[in-house]
Amino acid sequence: MFLTIIFKKYLDENFYISNKIFYFQLLISSLFYILYPAKDYFILSILLIISIIDIKEYIIPNFLVLLLIPIKILYINQSDLKLDFIPMIFLSFLFVLSMMDLGLGMGDVKLLSAIFIVKGGVFLIQLLLVLSIIIFLVGIYFLIMKKEKSYKFPLGPFILLSYLLI
């Protein structure tokens, strides 16, 4: 709810999000606020914003992925501190690599790496399992409906759905 209102101007200026989509996003974000604890609310709100941008533009903005990192800092556990350096180094490497003009965006990989940092390895494995099942079912649907052979679909909404199902 709060993040949706904060990012309305940004979404309007950069991605031309209509008012209908904004109100839908505000409604879903309000449900997240009611149903989930604060940590998950912020993660889900950011994933919702990412999903809408990914559906419209097929990109995942880096700064939205980076917004997930302060959530980990707020809820840091001293026993996990040593294990957090490896994914942080990996995520930093991905950001440096994507800043180079190699045609390599890898927004979904960076998003999954940020979720790994915030929620941990066990959660990421569960998320990837549910994500794989959802993508498999969507692929079967496309095969049955005999759509085009080349499919391009945004992964952001499927990551959000997988997060909700866990």
C-alpha atoms as a PDB file:
ATOM      1  CA  MET A   1       0.000   0.000   0.000  1.00  0.00           C
ATOM      2  CA  PHE A   2       2.664   2.491   1.064  1.00  0.00           C
ATOM      3  CA  LEU A   3       5.192   1.452  -1.562  1.00  0.00           C
ATOM      4  CA  THR A   4       2.510   1.510  -4.251  1.00  0.00           C
ATOM      5  CA  ILE A   5       1.640   5.111  -3.445  1.00  0.00           C
ATOM      6  CA  ILE A   6       5.311   6.104  -3.207  1.00  0.00           C
ATOM      7  CA  PHE A   7       6.118   4.584  -6.617  1.00  0.00           C
ATOM      8  CA  LYS A   8       3.000   5.859  -8.436  1.00  0.00           C
ATOM      9  CA  LYS A   9       4.769   8.903  -9.841  1.00  0.00           C
ATOM     10  CA  TYR A  10       7.779   6.835 -10.912  1.00  0.00           C
ATOM     11  CA  LEU A  11       5.583   4.253 -12.625  1.00  0.00           C
ATOM     12  CA  ASP A  12       3.564   6.964 -14.381  1.00  0.00           C
ATOM     13  CA  GLU A  13       6.654   8.771 -15.657  1.00  0.00           C
ATOM     14  CA  ASN A  14       8.650   5.750 -16.774  1.00  0.00           C
ATOM     15  CA  PHE A  15       6.128   3.050 -17.652  1.00  0.00           C
ATOM     16  CA  TYR A  16       2.809   4.855 -18.232  1.00  0.00           C
ATOM     17  CA  ILE A  17       0.826   2.701 -15.829  1.00  0.00           C
ATOM     18  CA  SER A  18      -2.911   3.418 -16.101  1.00  0.00           C
ATOM     19  CA  ASN A  19      -5.089   4.361 -13.147  1.00  0.00           C
ATOM     20  CA  LYS A  20      -6.951   1.035 -13.363  1.00  0.00           C
ATOM     21  CA  ILE A  21      -3.702  -0.857 -12.891  1.00  0.00           C
ATOM     22  CA  PHE A  22      -2.685   1.486 -10.080  1.00  0.00           C
ATOM     23  CA  TYR A  23      -5.950   0.913  -8.171  1.00  0.00           C
ATOM     24  CA  PHE A  24      -5.684  -2.840  -8.734  1.00  0.00           C
ATOM     25  CA  GLN A  25      -2.125  -2.731  -7.427  1.00  0.00           C
ATOM     26  CA  LEU A  26      -3.249  -0.665  -4.440  1.00  0.00           C
ATOM     27  CA  LEU A  27      -5.984  -3.195  -3.640  1.00  0.00           C
ATOM     28  CA  ILE A  28      -3.613  -6.178  -3.850  1.00  0.00           C
ATOM     29  CA  SER A  29      -0.985  -4.348  -1.800  1.00  0.00           C
ATOM     30  CA  SER A  30      -3.620  -3.594   0.864  1.00  0.00           C
ATOM     31  CA  LEU A  31      -4.454  -7.299   1.032  1.00  0.00           C
ATOM     32  CA  PHE A  32      -0.751  -8.082   1.499  1.00  0.00           C
ATOM     33  CA  TYR A  33      -0.666  -5.535   4.334  1.00  0.00           C
ATOM     34  CA  ILE A  34      -3.596  -7.232   6.082  1.00  0.00           C
ATOM     35  CA  LEU A  35      -2.543 -10.858   5.519  1.00  0.00           C
ATOM     36  CA  TYR A  36       1.252 -10.879   5.921  1.00  0.00           C
ATOM     37  CA  PRO A  37       3.807  -9.758   8.532  1.00  0.00           C
ATOM     38  CA  ALA A  38       5.769  -6.563   7.872  1.00  0.00           C
ATOM     39  CA  LYS A  39       8.837  -8.253   6.364  1.00  0.00           C
ATOM     40  CA  ASP A  40       6.785 -10.264   3.876  1.00  0.00           C
ATOM     41  CA  TYR A  41       4.531  -7.285   3.148  1.00  0.00           C
ATOM     42  CA  PHE A  42       7.453  -5.206   1.918  1.00  0.00           C
ATOM     43  CA  ILE A  43       8.866  -8.077  -0.141  1.00  0.00           C
ATOM     44  CA  LEU A  44       5.468  -8.798  -1.711  1.00  0.00           C
ATOM     45  CA  SER A  45       4.828  -5.111  -2.431  1.00  0.00           C
ATOM     46  CA  ILE A  46       8.154  -4.806  -4.219  1.00  0.00           C
ATOM     47  CA  LEU A  47       7.466  -8.051  -6.110  1.00  0.00           C
ATOM     48  CA  LEU A  48       4.058  -6.673  -7.147  1.00  0.00           C
ATOM     49  CA  ILE A  49       5.618  -3.490  -8.532  1.00  0.00           C
ATOM     50  CA  ILE A  50       8.287  -5.559 -10.293  1.00  0.00           C
ATOM     51  CA  SER A  51       5.607  -7.854 -11.753  1.00  0.00           C
ATOM     52  CA  ILE A  52       3.635  -4.984 -13.244  1.00  0.00           C
ATOM     53  CA  ILE A  53       6.756  -3.462 -14.800  1.00  0.00           C
ATOM     54  CA  ASP A  54       7.901  -6.881 -16.038  1.00  0.00           C
ATOM     55  CA  ILE A  55       4.526  -7.573 -17.684  1.00  0.00           C
ATOM     56  CA  LYS A  56       4.537  -4.206 -19.423  1.00  0.00           C
ATOM     57  CA  GLU A  57       8.206  -3.766 -20.356  1.00  0.00           C
ATOM     58  CA  TYR A  58       9.903  -7.186 -19.900  1.00  0.00           C
ATOM     59  CA  ILE A  59      12.480  -5.629 -17.584  1.00  0.00           C
ATOM     60  CA  ILE A  60      13.157  -5.696 -13.861  1.00  0.00           C
ATOM     61  CA  PRO A  61      14.677  -2.401 -12.662  1.00  0.00           C
ATOM     62  CA  ASN A  62      17.837  -2.837 -10.617  1.00  0.00           C
ATOM     63  CA  PHE A  63      16.870  -0.309  -7.963  1.00  0.00           C
ATOM     64  CA  LEU A  64      13.722  -2.277  -7.125  1.00  0.00           C
ATOM     65  CA  VAL A  65      15.790  -5.422  -6.630  1.00  0.00           C
ATOM     66  CA  LEU A  66      18.178  -3.430  -4.440  1.00  0.00           C
ATOM     67  CA  LEU A  67      15.230  -2.322  -2.273  1.00  0.00           C
ATOM     68  CA  LEU A  68      15.020  -5.890  -0.983  1.00  0.00           C
ATOM     69  CA  ILE A  69      18.483  -5.719   0.632  1.00  0.00           C
ATOM     70  CA  PRO A  70      17.568  -3.201   3.403  1.00  0.00           C
ATOM     71  CA  ILE A  71      14.830  -5.613   4.481  1.00  0.00           C
ATOM     72  CA  LYS A  72      17.547  -8.157   5.284  1.00  0.00           C
ATOM     73  CA  ILE A  73      19.561  -5.520   7.131  1.00  0.00           C
ATOM     74  CA  LEU A  74      16.529  -4.614   9.270  1.00  0.00           C
ATOM     75  CA  TYR A  75      15.887  -8.259  10.179  1.00  0.00           C
ATOM     76  CA  ILE A  76      19.511  -9.415  10.426  1.00  0.00           C
ATOM     77  CA  ASN A  77      20.383 -12.407  12.567  1.00  0.00           C
ATOM     78  CA  GLN A  78      23.961 -12.529  13.860  1.00  0.00           C
ATOM     79  CA  SER A  79      24.244 -16.314  13.373  1.00  0.00           C
ATOM     80  CA  ASP A  80      23.440 -15.987   9.658  1.00  0.00           C
ATOM     81  CA  LEU A  81      25.822 -13.095   9.091  1.00  0.00           C
ATOM     82  CA  LYS A  82      28.715 -15.226   7.798  1.00  0.00           C
ATOM     83  CA  LEU A  83      26.492 -17.067   5.323  1.00  0.00           C
ATOM     84  CA  ASP A  84      25.116 -13.811   3.899  1.00  0.00           C
ATOM     85  CA  PHE A  85      28.427 -12.688   2.396  1.00  0.00           C
ATOM     86  CA  ILE A  86      28.491 -15.296  -0.376  1.00  0.00           C
ATOM     87  CA  PRO A  87      25.127 -14.333  -1.931  1.00  0.00           C
ATOM     88  CA  MET A  88      25.924 -10.622  -1.404  1.00  0.00           C
ATOM     89  CA  ILE A  89      29.168 -11.034  -3.357  1.00  0.00           C
ATOM     90  CA  PHE A  90      27.316 -13.008  -6.056  1.00  0.00           C
ATOM     91  CA  LEU A  91      24.578 -10.356  -6.316  1.00  0.00           C
ATOM     92  CA  SER A  92      27.198  -7.590  -6.491  1.00  0.00           C
ATOM     93  CA  PHE A  93      28.949  -9.481  -9.290  1.00  0.00           C
ATOM     94  CA  LEU A  94      25.637  -9.791 -11.189  1.00  0.00           C
ATOM     95  CA  PHE A  95      24.978  -6.067 -10.868  1.00  0.00           C
ATOM     96  CA  VAL A  96      28.451  -5.158 -12.112  1.00  0.00           C
ATOM     97  CA  LEU A  97      28.077  -7.614 -14.992  1.00  0.00           C
ATOM     98  CA  SER A  98      24.673  -6.233 -15.958  1.00  0.00           C
ATOM     99  CA  MET A  99      25.953  -2.643 -15.928  1.00  0.00           C
ATOM    100  CA  MET A 100      28.387  -3.504 -18.727  1.00  0.00           C
ATOM    101  CA  ASP A 101      27.015  -3.225 -22.222  1.00  0.00           C
ATOM    102  CA  LEU A 102      26.916  -6.955 -22.908  1.00  0.00           C
ATOM    103  CA  GLY A 103      23.199  -7.192 -23.611  1.00  0.00           C
ATOM    104  CA  LEU A 104      22.933  -9.120 -20.384  1.00  0.00           C
ATOM    105  CA  GLY A 105      20.096  -7.993 -18.128  1.00  0.00           C
ATOM    106  CA  MET A 106      19.492 -11.053 -15.977  1.00  0.00           C
ATOM    107  CA  GLY A 107      16.835  -9.232 -13.943  1.00  0.00           C
ATOM    108  CA  ASP A 108      15.183 -12.475 -12.910  1.00  0.00           C
ATOM    109  CA  VAL A 109      18.462 -13.932 -11.670  1.00  0.00           C
ATOM    110  CA  LYS A 110      19.208 -10.772  -9.688  1.00  0.00           C
ATOM    111  CA  LEU A 111      15.694 -10.837  -8.241  1.00  0.00           C
ATOM    112  CA  LEU A 112      16.045 -14.479  -7.180  1.00  0.00           C
ATOM    113  CA  SER A 113      19.484 -13.703  -5.701  1.00  0.00           C
ATOM    114  CA  ALA A 114      18.005 -10.857  -3.661  1.00  0.00           C
ATOM    115  CA  ILE A 115      15.217 -13.154  -2.423  1.00  0.00           C
ATOM    116  CA  PHE A 116      17.926 -15.671  -1.484  1.00  0.00           C
ATOM    117  CA  ILE A 117      19.702 -13.018   0.563  1.00  0.00           C
ATOM    118  CA  VAL A 118      16.535 -11.897   2.325  1.00  0.00           C
ATOM    119  CA  LYS A 119      14.750 -15.218   2.909  1.00  0.00           C
ATOM    120  CA  GLY A 120      17.543 -17.804   2.812  1.00  0.00           C
ATOM    121  CA  GLY A 121      18.487 -20.883   0.835  1.00  0.00           C
ATOM    122  CA  VAL A 122      15.711 -23.229   1.963  1.00  0.00           C
ATOM    123  CA  PHE A 123      13.052 -20.693   0.997  1.00  0.00           C
ATOM    124  CA  LEU A 124      14.703 -20.150  -2.395  1.00  0.00           C
ATOM    125  CA  ILE A 125      14.722 -23.900  -3.104  1.00  0.00           C
ATOM    126  CA  GLN A 126      11.015 -24.076  -2.236  1.00  0.00           C
ATOM    127  CA  LEU A 127      10.358 -21.012  -4.395  1.00  0.00           C
ATOM    128  CA  LEU A 128      12.241 -22.499  -7.348  1.00  0.00           C
ATOM    129  CA  LEU A 129      10.340 -25.771  -7.017  1.00  0.00           C
ATOM    130  CA  VAL A 130       6.945 -24.035  -7.017  1.00  0.00           C
ATOM    131  CA  LEU A 131       8.127 -21.692  -9.800  1.00  0.00           C
ATOM    132  CA  SER A 132       9.172 -24.679 -11.930  1.00  0.00           C
ATOM    133  CA  ILE A 133       5.787 -26.347 -11.456  1.00  0.00           C
ATOM    134  CA  ILE A 134       3.920 -23.159 -12.399  1.00  0.00           C
ATOM    135  CA  ILE A 135       6.052 -22.597 -15.510  1.00  0.00           C
ATOM    136  CA  PHE A 136       5.606 -26.257 -16.490  1.00  0.00           C
ATOM    137  CA  LEU A 137       1.817 -25.896 -16.227  1.00  0.00           C
ATOM    138  CA  VAL A 138       1.874 -22.682 -18.276  1.00  0.00           C
ATOM    139  CA  GLY A 139       4.018 -24.440 -20.895  1.00  0.00           C
ATOM    140  CA  ILE A 140       1.533 -27.322 -21.071  1.00  0.00           C
ATOM    141  CA  TYR A 141      -1.286 -24.784 -21.487  1.00  0.00           C
ATOM    142  CA  PHE A 142       0.534 -23.139 -24.396  1.00  0.00           C
ATOM    143  CA  LEU A 143       1.132 -26.535 -26.015  1.00  0.00           C
ATOM    144  CA  ILE A 144      -2.515 -27.529 -25.673  1.00  0.00           C
ATOM    145  CA  MET A 145      -3.732 -24.193 -27.024  1.00  0.00           C
ATOM    146  CA  LYS A 146      -1.216 -24.518 -29.888  1.00  0.00           C
ATOM    147  CA  LYS A 147       0.017 -20.976 -29.534  1.00  0.00           C
ATOM    148  CA  GLU A 148       3.120 -19.776 -31.338  1.00  0.00           C
ATOM    149  CA  LYS A 149       6.251 -21.878 -30.983  1.00  0.00           C
ATOM    150  CA  SER A 150       8.247 -19.000 -29.550  1.00  0.00           C
ATOM    151  CA  TYR A 151       7.036 -17.901 -26.136  1.00  0.00           C
ATOM    152  CA  LYS A 152       8.199 -14.827 -24.310  1.00  0.00           C
ATOM    153  CA  PHE A 153       6.628 -14.199 -20.956  1.00  0.00           C
ATOM    154  CA  PRO A 154       7.750 -12.207 -17.923  1.00  0.00           C
ATOM    155  CA  LEU A 155       8.997 -14.261 -15.002  1.00  0.00           C
ATOM    156  CA  GLY A 156       8.315 -11.577 -12.347  1.00  0.00           C
ATOM    157  CA  PRO A 157       4.603 -12.365 -11.912  1.00  0.00           C
ATOM    158  CA  PHE A 158       5.379 -16.079 -11.626  1.00  0.00           C
ATOM    159  CA  ILE A 159       7.968 -15.359  -8.927  1.00  0.00           C
ATOM    160  CA  LEU A 160       5.321 -13.341  -7.059  1.00  0.00           C
ATOM    161  CA  LEU A 161       2.782 -16.154  -7.394  1.00  0.00           C
ATOM    162  CA  SER A 162       5.340 -18.720  -6.218  1.00  0.00           C
ATOM    163  CA  TYR A 163       6.172 -16.544  -3.210  1.00  0.00           C
ATOM    164  CA  LEU A 164       2.476 -16.345  -2.333  1.00  0.00           C
ATOM    165  CA  LEU A 165       2.025 -20.116  -2.610  1.00  0.00           C
ATOM    166  CA  ILE A 166       4.836 -20.936  -0.183  1.00  0.00           C
END
